[in-house]
Amino acid sequence: MLRRLGLRDVVLVSRLELTLESGFTVLTGETGAGKSILVEALQLALGSRADASLVREGAARAEVSAEFDRPEALVPWLDEGGFEHGEGTLLLRRTVDAQGRSRAWINGSAATVTQLRELAEHLVDIHGQHAWQGLTRPATVRALLDAQAGVDGARLATRWQAWRTALSALDEARARRDTLERERERLAWQIGEVDKLAPGDDEWEELNAEHQRLAHGQALLDAARAALDAVGEGEPAADALLARAIDALEEVARYDAEVAAIVDVLRSAQAQLQDAAHSLHGYLGHREPDPGRLAELDARLSAWVGLARRYRRTPAELPALLASWKQELQALDAAADIEGLERAAHAAEEAWRAEARLVSAARAKAAPPLAAAVTQLMQTLGMAGGRFEVALLPQDEPQSYGLEAVELRVAGHAGSAPRALAKVASGGELSRLALAVAVATSRGGAQQAAVPTLVFDEVDSGVGGTVADSVGALMKQLGRASQVLAVTHLAQVAACADHHLVVSKAFRDGATTSEVHAVTGEARVAEVARMLGGESLSGTAHAQAMLAQGAKGAA
């Protein structure tokens, strides 16, 4: 529930800290005193659109904070968003500057407006004085019934989108059938031509390396023979000269350690020369000119170069080009597979229809209890004998929201045929019906509301007399299960409240401000008397009687 609402420099409010209680609380006051400012401020904290007009004249920014009891169900959501749990509390804060820019926090950590709105769905349900207008909109009505039915609209929307995507792919394939076939034939021919070459990933570099070696084969052999002669087989050979140097130094090495070190270096060089001579012998032993292989390499390299020129690529790019063509051909085969696309579209349609049938069954189950609950409430709201219906209208064509539309119908009195709510002429009836629907959906019949706090902003506009008594009794009844806040101008409703807050204007420091005070005892009697139309002796007595009756209703 909402524990505290704080405002600073919001419209007419300079500074306000409002502590709220459980049960049924009313906010009353003269017209223009600023009752709806409190509701607007709460909506701002819950993620509504920020507007610079909310900033009090002369102030740099407006600030609103709202502290709630934290529902345990929100702990995983807070963990996922990286927010603190707040020791059982949930503190939402929002600021708006004079340029309309806003910032938001959840339990002291920066948050997005979207996150505030997600939280709002679990914390507060606000019903405005024009709530009946939403009941004439098909989407709003459908969402209302789906909420009662526990329908997961996201699943249905996902399956609908999958079906639409599959149909789009099928239609595109049918429209492009000839073009796709020509494109497929072109790719298949190109792939076949390059596949004849079968270029390996690293083959171009390997071919060039081998071609270089064979093309210069004789020069390589001549150089190797000359090197072998110089190292070990010529006259004089480096190996023999090195041996002579070692023999000369070994005779005197014992007389000087430095000479001995030089002998070690020469012996190491002699070993390396001998290894080189051995390697040259091996090289000359298995290297012979191979004109036939060289001709094969010339032909293959020419084939690589020819294909590369034809497709305006470098030879080294041919393997990657072939792989990309094969991928394109697979995609074209899939796109041109009309039968496969038809099967996919049919499967997607069946998945959507299966989900839609589940949704239809849930709607059909939820509609009668909702209609019965609203009908029952109508009997106490000046529409005795009236009847409310939630009609499910089959659609000629499938729609993203399911197999049927939802329409609210009402018969205002006994014997009349129910008509679409949008065609009900009386504004008073519409307001009362909106209240009945709000109460029925908020309390889920006789169950506790889906959210812990319900706010009614002058939804009782246009009613009076015994109907007003019924409105107050309904809100008191809701207050036993949930926290109910109501902005009202009806004394009958105010008299039923568990707590009474009065909003008034005051002129301080050269500026008009709105203030809120809790009233009890004589102060509350005086406020109810004012709402009745005066503070005369008879008005005061009437107010006392109404409050006494309201207190009995709480027992």
Protein backbone atom coordinates (compact mmCIF):
# COMPACT_ATOMS: atom_id res chain seq x y z
CA MET A 1 0.00 0.00 0.00
CA LEU A 2 0.96 3.68 -0.36
CA ARG A 3 2.50 4.88 2.91
CA ARG A 4 3.70 8.36 2.08
CA LEU A 5 3.41 10.91 -0.71
CA GLY A 6 5.83 13.83 -0.82
CA LEU A 7 5.56 16.86 -3.11
CA ARG A 8 7.89 19.80 -3.57
CA ASP A 9 7.19 22.72 -5.92
CA VAL A 10 4.42 20.88 -7.77
CA VAL A 11 1.88 23.33 -9.33
CA LEU A 12 0.37 25.05 -6.26
CA VAL A 13 2.12 22.90 -3.67
CA SER A 14 5.37 24.30 -2.30
CA ARG A 15 6.10 21.45 0.10
CA LEU A 16 3.92 18.59 1.33
CA GLU A 17 4.50 15.36 3.23
CA LEU A 18 1.35 13.26 3.32
CA THR A 19 1.10 10.08 5.41
CA LEU A 20 -1.61 7.68 4.27
CA GLU A 21 -3.38 4.88 6.09
CA SER A 22 -4.98 1.60 5.11
CA GLY A 23 -8.70 1.40 4.48
CA PHE A 24 -10.81 4.02 2.68
CA THR A 25 -9.48 7.60 2.53
CA VAL A 26 -11.22 10.55 0.86
CA LEU A 27 -9.75 13.82 -0.36
CA THR A 28 -12.19 16.73 -0.45
CA GLY A 29 -12.01 20.49 -0.77
CA GLU A 30 -13.28 23.49 -2.69
CA THR A 31 -13.16 23.43 -6.48
CA GLY A 32 -9.70 24.50 -7.61
CA ALA A 33 -8.09 23.80 -4.26
CA GLY A 34 -5.77 21.25 -5.85
CA LYS A 35 -7.29 17.84 -5.10
CA SER A 36 -6.37 16.42 -8.48
CA ILE A 37 -2.80 17.72 -8.10
CA LEU A 38 -2.18 14.91 -5.63
CA VAL A 39 -3.39 12.33 -8.13
CA GLU A 40 -1.28 13.87 -10.90
CA ALA A 41 1.75 13.86 -8.62
CA LEU A 42 1.22 10.19 -7.80
CA GLN A 43 0.89 9.40 -11.50
CA LEU A 44 4.16 11.25 -12.15
CA ALA A 45 5.94 9.09 -9.56
CA LEU A 46 4.48 6.04 -11.29
CA GLY A 47 5.87 6.96 -14.71
CA SER A 48 3.29 9.19 -16.39
CA ARG A 49 4.39 11.75 -18.96
CA ALA A 50 6.47 14.58 -17.49
CA ASP A 51 5.36 18.14 -18.25
CA ALA A 52 7.06 21.42 -17.38
CA SER A 53 3.63 22.82 -16.40
CA LEU A 54 3.85 20.72 -13.23
CA VAL A 55 6.73 22.87 -11.96
CA ARG A 56 5.60 25.53 -9.50
CA GLU A 57 6.00 29.05 -10.84
CA GLY A 58 9.44 30.41 -9.95
CA ALA A 59 10.86 26.99 -9.01
CA ALA A 60 13.72 25.24 -10.82
CA ARG A 61 12.09 21.81 -10.68
CA ALA A 62 9.23 19.79 -9.22
CA GLU A 63 9.85 16.68 -7.14
CA VAL A 64 7.53 13.85 -6.15
CA SER A 65 8.30 10.85 -3.96
CA ALA A 66 6.00 7.94 -3.14
CA GLU A 67 6.77 5.29 -0.55
CA PHE A 68 5.01 1.92 -0.75
CA ASP A 69 5.05 -1.32 1.16
CA ARG A 70 7.13 -3.59 -1.08
CA PRO A 71 5.19 -6.63 -2.38
CA GLU A 72 7.29 -9.77 -2.03
CA ALA A 73 6.46 -10.66 -5.63
CA LEU A 74 8.57 -7.68 -6.76
CA VAL A 75 11.81 -8.89 -5.14
CA PRO A 76 12.98 -10.84 -8.25
CA TRP A 77 12.16 -7.83 -10.44
CA LEU A 78 14.20 -5.54 -8.17
CA ASP A 79 17.10 -8.02 -8.16
CA GLU A 80 17.07 -8.23 -11.94
CA GLY A 81 17.15 -4.43 -12.23
CA GLY A 82 19.93 -4.07 -9.66
CA PHE A 83 17.75 -2.19 -7.14
CA GLU A 84 17.95 -2.49 -3.35
CA HIS A 85 15.04 -4.18 -1.57
CA GLY A 86 14.58 -1.26 0.81
CA GLU A 87 13.86 -3.30 3.98
CA GLY A 88 10.28 -3.95 2.99
CA THR A 89 9.69 -0.52 1.42
CA LEU A 90 9.71 0.76 -2.13
CA LEU A 91 10.61 4.42 -2.63
CA LEU A 92 9.90 5.98 -6.03
CA ARG A 93 11.17 9.47 -6.77
CA ARG A 94 10.79 11.64 -9.86
CA THR A 95 11.88 15.17 -10.70
CA VAL A 96 10.86 17.44 -13.59
CA ASP A 97 12.72 20.64 -14.41
CA ALA A 98 11.37 23.83 -15.97
CA GLN A 99 12.36 22.54 -19.44
CA GLY A 100 10.31 19.38 -19.02
CA ARG A 101 13.29 17.05 -18.52
CA SER A 102 12.75 14.37 -15.91
CA ARG A 103 14.81 11.93 -13.84
CA ALA A 104 13.67 8.92 -11.83
CA TRP A 105 14.95 6.76 -8.95
CA ILE A 106 13.86 3.49 -7.36
CA ASN A 107 15.11 2.94 -3.81
CA GLY A 108 17.80 5.56 -4.41
CA SER A 109 19.12 4.09 -7.69
CA ALA A 110 18.61 5.76 -11.06
CA ALA A 111 15.77 4.22 -13.03
CA THR A 112 13.95 4.64 -16.33
CA VAL A 113 10.37 5.81 -16.77
CA THR A 114 9.60 2.40 -18.27
CA GLN A 115 10.72 0.75 -15.04
CA LEU A 116 8.45 3.07 -13.03
CA ARG A 117 5.53 2.07 -15.23
CA GLU A 118 6.32 -1.62 -14.78
CA LEU A 119 6.24 -1.16 -11.02
CA ALA A 120 3.00 0.85 -11.22
CA GLU A 121 1.16 -2.16 -12.62
CA HIS A 122 1.82 -3.97 -9.31
CA LEU A 123 1.20 -1.05 -6.95
CA VAL A 124 -1.67 1.23 -7.93
CA ASP A 125 -4.80 1.14 -10.07
CA ILE A 126 -6.08 4.64 -10.91
CA HIS A 127 -9.61 5.25 -12.17
CA GLY A 128 -10.23 8.75 -13.48
CA GLN A 129 -13.51 10.65 -13.81
CA HIS A 130 -13.58 9.92 -17.54
CA ALA A 131 -12.91 6.21 -17.11
CA TRP A 132 -16.14 5.44 -19.00
CA GLN A 133 -14.52 6.72 -22.21
CA GLY A 134 -12.10 3.82 -22.17
CA LEU A 135 -15.01 1.40 -21.88
CA THR A 136 -16.16 2.49 -25.34
CA ARG A 137 -12.81 1.57 -26.92
CA PRO A 138 -12.54 -2.02 -28.18
CA ALA A 139 -8.89 -2.43 -27.20
CA THR A 140 -9.52 -1.18 -23.66
CA VAL A 141 -12.53 -3.42 -23.21
CA ARG A 142 -10.64 -6.44 -24.52
CA ALA A 143 -7.71 -5.73 -22.18
CA LEU A 144 -10.12 -5.41 -19.26
CA LEU A 145 -11.69 -8.82 -19.92
CA ASP A 146 -8.32 -10.43 -20.62
CA ALA A 147 -7.03 -9.19 -17.28
CA GLN A 148 -10.01 -10.82 -15.57
CA ALA A 149 -9.46 -14.00 -17.60
CA GLY A 150 -5.73 -14.15 -16.94
CA VAL A 151 -4.99 -14.14 -20.66
CA ASP A 152 -1.37 -13.79 -21.75
CA GLY A 153 -1.75 -11.49 -24.74
CA ALA A 154 1.99 -11.63 -25.48
CA ARG A 155 1.84 -15.33 -26.40
CA LEU A 156 -1.02 -14.73 -28.81
CA ALA A 157 0.71 -11.70 -30.34
CA THR A 158 3.94 -13.68 -30.81
CA ARG A 159 2.15 -16.48 -32.64
CA TRP A 160 0.24 -13.97 -34.75
CA GLN A 161 3.47 -12.27 -35.78
CA ALA A 162 5.05 -15.62 -36.64
CA TRP A 163 2.06 -16.44 -38.84
CA ARG A 164 2.20 -13.03 -40.55
CA THR A 165 5.94 -13.45 -41.18
CA ALA A 166 5.44 -16.91 -42.68
CA LEU A 167 2.64 -15.64 -44.92
CA SER A 168 4.80 -12.73 -46.05
CA ALA A 169 7.63 -15.09 -47.00
CA LEU A 170 5.18 -17.29 -48.93
CA ASP A 171 3.62 -14.34 -50.77
CA GLU A 172 7.05 -12.98 -51.68
CA ALA A 173 8.17 -16.37 -52.97
CA ARG A 174 5.05 -16.70 -55.11
CA ALA A 175 5.46 -13.20 -56.52
CA ARG A 176 9.15 -13.72 -57.26
CA ARG A 177 8.92 -17.31 -58.41
CA ASP A 178 10.23 -16.66 -61.96
CA THR A 179 12.87 -14.21 -60.80
CA LEU A 180 14.06 -16.57 -58.10
CA GLU A 181 14.28 -19.45 -60.56
CA ARG A 182 16.38 -17.41 -62.98
CA GLU A 183 18.62 -16.30 -60.16
CA ARG A 184 18.92 -19.88 -58.97
CA GLU A 185 19.88 -21.11 -62.44
CA ARG A 186 22.53 -18.40 -62.76
CA LEU A 187 24.05 -19.26 -59.39
CA ALA A 188 23.94 -22.99 -60.10
CA TRP A 189 25.79 -22.48 -63.41
CA GLN A 190 28.46 -20.32 -61.78
CA ILE A 191 28.90 -22.78 -58.93
CA GLY A 192 29.20 -25.65 -61.42
CA GLU A 193 31.87 -23.80 -63.39
CA VAL A 194 33.98 -22.96 -60.34
CA ASP A 195 33.34 -26.39 -58.81
CA LYS A 196 35.10 -27.92 -61.83
CA LEU A 197 38.24 -26.11 -60.69
CA ALA A 198 37.53 -27.11 -57.05
CA PRO A 199 39.78 -24.42 -55.60
CA GLY A 200 41.17 -25.29 -52.18
CA ASP A 201 41.33 -22.71 -49.43
CA ASP A 202 45.15 -22.43 -49.41
CA GLU A 203 45.79 -23.91 -52.84
CA TRP A 204 46.60 -20.66 -54.68
CA GLU A 205 49.57 -19.91 -52.43
CA GLU A 206 50.75 -23.55 -52.59
CA LEU A 207 50.54 -23.62 -56.41
CA ASN A 208 52.55 -20.43 -56.71
CA ALA A 209 55.24 -21.70 -54.35
CA GLU A 210 55.61 -25.00 -56.25
CA HIS A 211 55.58 -23.23 -59.61
CA GLN A 212 58.36 -20.91 -58.48
CA ARG A 213 60.48 -23.88 -57.43
CA LEU A 214 60.00 -25.88 -60.64
CA ALA A 215 60.40 -22.87 -62.93
CA HIS A 216 63.84 -22.20 -61.42
CA GLY A 217 64.77 -25.87 -60.95
CA GLN A 218 67.99 -25.90 -63.00
CA ALA A 219 69.27 -22.72 -61.37
CA LEU A 220 68.58 -24.24 -57.96
CA LEU A 221 70.49 -27.44 -58.84
CA ASP A 222 73.46 -25.51 -60.24
CA ALA A 223 73.65 -23.37 -57.14
CA ALA A 224 73.45 -26.42 -54.87
CA ARG A 225 76.29 -28.20 -56.79
CA ALA A 226 78.49 -25.11 -56.59
CA ALA A 227 77.83 -24.78 -52.89
CA LEU A 228 78.64 -28.46 -52.26
CA ASP A 229 81.94 -28.11 -54.15
CA ALA A 230 82.87 -25.05 -52.10
CA VAL A 231 81.95 -26.69 -48.81
CA GLY A 232 83.37 -30.17 -49.16
CA GLU A 233 84.03 -31.59 -52.59
CA GLY A 234 86.00 -28.90 -54.43
CA GLU A 235 89.74 -28.19 -54.35
CA PRO A 236 90.40 -26.56 -52.05
CA ALA A 237 87.16 -27.15 -50.00
CA ALA A 238 86.13 -25.15 -47.00
CA ASP A 239 85.93 -28.30 -44.89
CA ALA A 240 89.58 -29.20 -45.67
CA LEU A 241 90.80 -25.67 -45.03
CA LEU A 242 88.94 -25.59 -41.72
CA ALA A 243 90.52 -28.91 -40.69
CA ARG A 244 93.99 -27.52 -41.50
CA ALA A 245 93.31 -24.48 -39.29
CA ILE A 246 92.18 -26.67 -36.40
CA ASP A 247 95.31 -28.85 -36.65
CA ALA A 248 97.58 -25.79 -36.61
CA LEU A 249 95.98 -24.32 -33.50
CA GLU A 250 95.67 -27.54 -31.56
CA GLU A 251 99.48 -27.77 -31.38
CA VAL A 252 99.70 -24.57 -29.35
CA ALA A 253 96.26 -24.46 -27.66
CA ARG A 254 97.68 -25.83 -24.40
CA TYR A 255 99.83 -22.74 -24.01
CA ASP A 256 96.94 -20.21 -24.19
CA ALA A 257 93.33 -20.65 -23.09
CA GLU A 258 92.16 -18.02 -25.58
CA VAL A 259 93.52 -20.11 -28.46
CA ALA A 260 91.76 -23.17 -27.04
CA ALA A 261 88.45 -21.26 -27.15
CA ILE A 262 89.07 -20.41 -30.81
CA VAL A 263 89.67 -24.08 -31.57
CA ASP A 264 86.24 -24.89 -30.05
CA VAL A 265 84.61 -22.31 -32.30
CA LEU A 266 86.32 -23.76 -35.38
CA ARG A 267 85.24 -27.30 -34.47
CA SER A 268 81.61 -26.06 -34.15
CA ALA A 269 81.89 -24.41 -37.56
CA GLN A 270 83.34 -27.63 -39.00
CA ALA A 271 80.34 -29.60 -37.72
CA GLN A 272 77.90 -27.11 -39.27
CA LEU A 273 79.77 -27.27 -42.62
CA GLN A 274 79.53 -31.04 -42.57
CA ASP A 275 75.77 -30.85 -41.83
CA ALA A 276 75.33 -28.41 -44.71
CA ALA A 277 77.27 -30.69 -47.07
CA HIS A 278 75.07 -33.63 -46.04
CA SER A 279 71.90 -31.60 -46.70
CA LEU A 280 73.20 -30.47 -50.11
CA HIS A 281 73.90 -34.11 -51.05
CA GLY A 282 70.30 -34.96 -50.11
CA TYR A 283 68.87 -32.00 -52.03
CA LEU A 284 70.78 -32.89 -55.20
CA GLY A 285 69.78 -36.53 -54.83
CA HIS A 286 66.00 -36.03 -55.15
CA ARG A 287 65.70 -32.82 -57.12
CA GLU A 288 65.42 -33.24 -60.85
CA PRO A 289 63.78 -30.93 -63.44
CA ASP A 290 60.11 -31.93 -64.01
CA PRO A 291 58.78 -30.26 -67.17
CA GLY A 292 55.57 -32.28 -67.07
CA ARG A 293 54.63 -31.13 -63.58
CA LEU A 294 55.57 -27.56 -64.50
CA ALA A 295 53.17 -27.70 -67.46
CA GLU A 296 50.39 -28.98 -65.15
CA LEU A 297 50.99 -26.08 -62.77
CA ASP A 298 50.96 -23.58 -65.64
CA ALA A 299 47.58 -24.92 -66.77
CA ARG A 300 46.05 -24.88 -63.29
CA LEU A 301 47.29 -21.41 -62.49
CA SER A 302 45.90 -20.20 -65.82
CA ALA A 303 42.52 -21.71 -64.94
CA TRP A 304 42.56 -19.89 -61.60
CA VAL A 305 43.47 -16.60 -63.23
CA GLY A 306 40.87 -17.00 -65.97
CA LEU A 307 37.99 -17.61 -63.54
CA ALA A 308 39.16 -14.79 -61.30
CA ARG A 309 39.14 -12.36 -64.21
CA ARG A 310 35.71 -13.52 -65.35
CA TYR A 311 34.17 -12.82 -61.95
CA ARG A 312 36.32 -9.76 -61.24
CA ARG A 313 38.01 -11.17 -58.20
CA THR A 314 41.59 -11.91 -57.25
CA PRO A 315 42.52 -15.61 -57.62
CA ALA A 316 42.91 -15.94 -53.85
CA GLU A 317 39.22 -14.92 -53.41
CA LEU A 318 37.81 -17.79 -55.49
CA PRO A 319 37.32 -20.29 -52.58
CA ALA A 320 35.41 -17.72 -50.48
CA LEU A 321 33.37 -16.66 -53.54
CA LEU A 322 32.35 -20.26 -54.20
CA ALA A 323 31.31 -20.72 -50.54
CA SER A 324 29.20 -17.54 -50.61
CA TRP A 325 27.47 -18.63 -53.84
CA LYS A 326 26.59 -21.96 -52.27
CA GLN A 327 25.07 -20.17 -49.26
CA GLU A 328 23.06 -17.91 -51.58
CA LEU A 329 21.85 -20.93 -53.52
CA GLN A 330 20.68 -22.60 -50.30
CA ALA A 331 18.79 -19.41 -49.35
CA LEU A 332 17.22 -19.24 -52.83
CA ASP A 333 16.26 -22.90 -52.66
CA ALA A 334 14.54 -22.23 -49.34
CA ALA A 335 12.86 -19.07 -50.66
CA ALA A 336 11.69 -20.86 -53.80
CA ASP A 337 10.40 -23.86 -51.87
CA ILE A 338 6.73 -22.96 -52.19
CA GLU A 339 5.56 -26.23 -50.69
CA GLY A 340 7.89 -25.84 -47.72
CA LEU A 341 6.78 -22.25 -47.17
CA GLU A 342 3.15 -23.31 -47.41
CA ARG A 343 3.75 -25.96 -44.75
CA ALA A 344 5.49 -23.40 -42.52
CA ALA A 345 2.64 -20.89 -42.93
CA HIS A 346 0.06 -23.56 -42.18
CA ALA A 347 1.94 -24.67 -39.06
CA ALA A 348 2.22 -21.05 -37.89
CA GLU A 349 -1.50 -20.53 -38.46
CA GLU A 350 -2.36 -23.66 -36.50
CA ALA A 351 -0.15 -22.55 -33.62
CA TRP A 352 -1.91 -19.17 -33.55
CA ARG A 353 -5.38 -20.73 -33.78
CA ALA A 354 -4.59 -23.16 -30.98
CA GLU A 355 -3.54 -20.27 -28.74
CA ALA A 356 -6.53 -18.20 -29.91
CA ARG A 357 -8.91 -21.01 -28.95
CA LEU A 358 -7.40 -21.09 -25.46
CA VAL A 359 -7.85 -17.33 -25.22
CA SER A 360 -11.45 -17.61 -26.43
CA ALA A 361 -12.21 -20.26 -23.82
CA ALA A 362 -10.71 -18.10 -21.06
CA ARG A 363 -12.70 -15.06 -22.22
CA ALA A 364 -15.91 -17.07 -22.42
CA LYS A 365 -15.35 -18.31 -18.88
CA ALA A 366 -14.54 -14.87 -17.46
CA ALA A 367 -17.28 -12.88 -19.20
CA PRO A 368 -20.38 -14.16 -17.30
CA PRO A 369 -18.96 -13.63 -13.78
CA LEU A 370 -17.82 -10.13 -14.71
CA ALA A 371 -21.22 -9.32 -16.20
CA ALA A 372 -22.98 -10.70 -13.11
CA ALA A 373 -20.79 -8.67 -10.76
CA VAL A 374 -21.45 -5.42 -12.62
CA THR A 375 -25.17 -6.22 -12.89
CA GLN A 376 -25.33 -6.70 -9.14
CA LEU A 377 -23.63 -3.36 -8.54
CA MET A 378 -26.00 -1.60 -10.95
CA GLN A 379 -28.94 -2.43 -8.69
CA THR A 380 -27.54 -0.13 -6.01
CA LEU A 381 -26.40 2.59 -8.42
CA GLY A 382 -29.77 3.88 -9.57
CA MET A 383 -30.25 1.28 -12.32
CA ALA A 384 -32.49 -1.22 -10.57
CA GLY A 385 -33.58 -3.96 -12.95
CA GLY A 386 -30.71 -3.12 -15.29
CA ARG A 387 -28.50 -5.76 -16.81
CA PHE A 388 -24.90 -5.79 -17.93
CA GLU A 389 -23.45 -8.08 -20.59
CA VAL A 390 -19.96 -8.84 -21.83
CA ALA A 391 -20.54 -9.95 -25.42
CA LEU A 392 -18.02 -11.94 -27.45
CA LEU A 393 -18.49 -11.20 -31.15
CA PRO A 394 -16.96 -13.69 -33.63
CA GLN A 395 -14.86 -12.01 -36.31
CA ASP A 396 -15.18 -12.74 -40.02
CA GLU A 397 -11.40 -12.55 -40.36
CA PRO A 398 -8.74 -13.52 -37.81
CA GLN A 399 -7.27 -10.61 -35.88
CA SER A 400 -4.08 -10.23 -33.88
CA TYR A 401 -6.10 -10.19 -30.65
CA GLY A 402 -7.96 -13.43 -31.32
CA LEU A 403 -11.09 -14.91 -32.84
CA GLU A 404 -13.59 -12.49 -31.33
CA ALA A 405 -14.13 -8.86 -30.41
CA VAL A 406 -15.36 -7.87 -26.95
CA GLU A 407 -18.27 -5.49 -26.49
CA LEU A 408 -19.84 -4.20 -23.29
CA ARG A 409 -23.62 -3.96 -23.40
CA VAL A 410 -26.09 -2.57 -20.90
CA ALA A 411 -29.83 -2.42 -20.36
CA GLY A 412 -30.51 0.54 -18.08
CA HIS A 413 -33.76 -0.83 -16.65
CA ALA A 414 -35.88 -3.96 -16.58
CA GLY A 415 -37.51 -4.93 -19.85
CA SER A 416 -35.06 -3.08 -22.11
CA ALA A 417 -32.71 -4.82 -24.49
CA PRO A 418 -29.00 -4.48 -23.78
CA ARG A 419 -27.26 -2.04 -26.07
CA ALA A 420 -23.61 -1.33 -26.71
CA LEU A 421 -22.21 0.80 -23.91
CA ALA A 422 -20.98 3.33 -26.46
CA LYS A 423 -24.63 4.03 -27.40
CA VAL A 424 -25.82 4.75 -23.85
CA ALA A 425 -26.80 8.42 -23.95
CA SER A 426 -26.83 9.38 -20.28
CA GLY A 427 -23.54 10.73 -18.96
CA GLY A 428 -24.67 9.90 -15.44
CA GLU A 429 -25.31 6.31 -16.40
CA LEU A 430 -21.93 6.09 -18.05
CA SER A 431 -20.16 7.38 -14.96
CA ARG A 432 -22.01 4.97 -12.70
CA LEU A 433 -21.34 2.06 -15.04
CA ALA A 434 -17.68 2.98 -15.15
CA LEU A 435 -17.61 2.95 -11.34
CA ALA A 436 -19.36 -0.41 -11.26
CA VAL A 437 -16.90 -1.89 -13.75
CA ALA A 438 -13.98 -0.37 -11.84
CA VAL A 439 -15.20 -1.83 -8.57
CA ALA A 440 -15.99 -5.23 -10.08
CA THR A 441 -12.65 -5.56 -11.83
CA SER A 442 -10.64 -4.08 -8.97
CA ARG A 443 -11.96 -6.44 -6.37
CA GLY A 444 -12.22 -9.44 -8.69
CA GLY A 445 -15.74 -10.14 -7.44
CA ALA A 446 -15.41 -10.67 -3.70
CA GLN A 447 -11.63 -11.20 -3.81
CA GLN A 448 -8.87 -8.83 -2.91
CA ALA A 449 -7.78 -6.39 -5.59
CA ALA A 450 -4.96 -7.36 -7.90
CA VAL A 451 -3.03 -4.28 -6.71
CA PRO A 452 -2.87 -3.08 -3.10
CA THR A 453 -3.90 0.54 -3.74
CA LEU A 454 -6.92 1.80 -5.70
CA VAL A 455 -7.39 5.47 -6.57
CA PHE A 456 -10.72 6.91 -7.72
CA ASP A 457 -10.48 10.45 -9.08
CA GLU A 458 -14.02 11.89 -9.10
CA VAL A 459 -15.51 8.80 -10.75
CA ASP A 460 -18.68 9.60 -8.75
CA SER A 461 -19.23 12.77 -10.78
CA GLY A 462 -22.86 13.19 -11.82
CA VAL A 463 -24.46 11.02 -9.12
CA GLY A 464 -26.25 11.88 -5.93
CA GLY A 465 -28.95 10.82 -3.44
CA THR A 466 -29.19 7.14 -2.60
CA VAL A 467 -26.86 6.35 -5.48
CA ALA A 468 -24.18 8.41 -3.76
CA ASP A 469 -24.82 6.41 -0.61
CA SER A 470 -24.21 3.24 -2.59
CA VAL A 471 -20.99 4.64 -4.08
CA GLY A 472 -19.68 5.39 -0.61
CA ALA A 473 -20.68 1.95 0.66
CA LEU A 474 -18.95 0.26 -2.29
CA MET A 475 -15.74 2.15 -1.69
CA LYS A 476 -15.86 1.37 2.02
CA GLN A 477 -16.35 -2.29 1.13
CA LEU A 478 -13.31 -2.17 -1.16
CA GLY A 479 -11.35 -0.48 1.62
CA ARG A 480 -11.67 -3.56 3.80
CA ALA A 481 -9.53 -5.53 1.34
CA SER A 482 -7.39 -2.80 -0.23
CA GLN A 483 -6.21 0.71 0.35
CA VAL A 484 -8.72 3.00 -1.39
CA LEU A 485 -8.12 6.69 -2.08
CA ALA A 486 -10.95 8.73 -3.56
CA VAL A 487 -11.13 12.35 -4.68
CA THR A 488 -14.80 13.20 -4.27
CA HIS A 489 -17.26 16.08 -4.08
CA LEU A 490 -20.05 13.95 -2.55
CA ALA A 491 -20.73 14.29 1.15
CA GLN A 492 -22.32 10.82 1.19
CA VAL A 493 -19.07 9.29 -0.07
CA ALA A 494 -16.91 11.35 2.29
CA ALA A 495 -19.04 10.30 5.27
CA CYS A 496 -18.25 6.62 4.60
CA ALA A 497 -14.47 7.09 4.67
CA ASP A 498 -12.19 5.73 7.35
CA HIS A 499 -9.89 8.75 6.92
CA HIS A 500 -10.64 12.24 5.64
CA LEU A 501 -8.13 14.66 4.08
CA VAL A 502 -9.10 18.21 3.15
CA VAL A 503 -7.27 20.13 0.44
CA SER A 504 -7.39 23.92 0.77
CA LYS A 505 -5.75 27.02 -0.64
CA ALA A 506 -3.68 29.42 1.41
CA PHE A 507 -1.91 32.69 0.58
CA ARG A 508 1.61 32.68 2.04
CA ASP A 509 4.66 34.80 1.26
CA GLY A 510 2.90 36.48 -1.64
CA ALA A 511 1.92 33.23 -3.37
CA THR A 512 -1.08 30.91 -3.41
CA THR A 513 -0.35 27.37 -2.21
CA SER A 514 -2.35 24.19 -1.68
CA GLU A 515 -2.30 22.49 1.70
CA VAL A 516 -3.65 19.15 2.93
CA HIS A 517 -4.86 18.45 6.46
CA ALA A 518 -6.41 15.38 8.05
CA VAL A 519 -9.73 16.24 9.71
CA THR A 520 -11.54 14.47 12.50
CA GLY A 521 -14.26 15.34 14.98
CA GLU A 522 -15.84 18.76 14.59
CA ALA A 523 -13.52 19.72 11.73
CA ARG A 524 -14.73 16.75 9.74
CA VAL A 525 -18.35 17.53 10.56
CA ALA A 526 -17.79 21.06 9.29
CA GLU A 527 -16.25 19.80 6.02
CA VAL A 528 -19.10 17.36 5.35
CA ALA A 529 -21.59 20.14 6.14
CA ARG A 530 -19.81 22.39 3.62
CA MET A 531 -20.08 19.65 1.01
CA LEU A 532 -23.81 19.44 1.74
CA GLY A 533 -24.17 23.10 0.86
CA GLY A 534 -23.67 25.07 4.04
CA GLU A 535 -22.64 25.08 7.67
CA SER A 536 -26.00 25.98 9.22
CA LEU A 537 -27.28 24.21 12.29
CA SER A 538 -29.40 21.90 10.17
CA GLY A 539 -26.47 21.26 7.83
CA THR A 540 -24.25 20.37 10.76
CA ALA A 541 -26.87 18.02 12.16
CA HIS A 542 -27.25 16.39 8.76
CA ALA A 543 -23.49 15.97 8.50
CA GLN A 544 -23.32 14.41 11.96
CA ALA A 545 -26.05 11.97 11.02
CA MET A 546 -24.27 11.01 7.80
CA LEU A 547 -20.99 10.46 9.61
CA ALA A 548 -22.71 8.35 12.23
CA GLN A 549 -24.31 6.26 9.50
CA GLY A 550 -20.95 5.93 7.75
CA ALA A 551 -19.30 4.78 10.98
CA LYS A 552 -21.98 2.10 11.40
CA GLY A 553 -21.19 0.90 7.91
CA ALA A 554 -17.62 0.31 9.02
CA ALA A 555 -18.68 -1.91 11.87
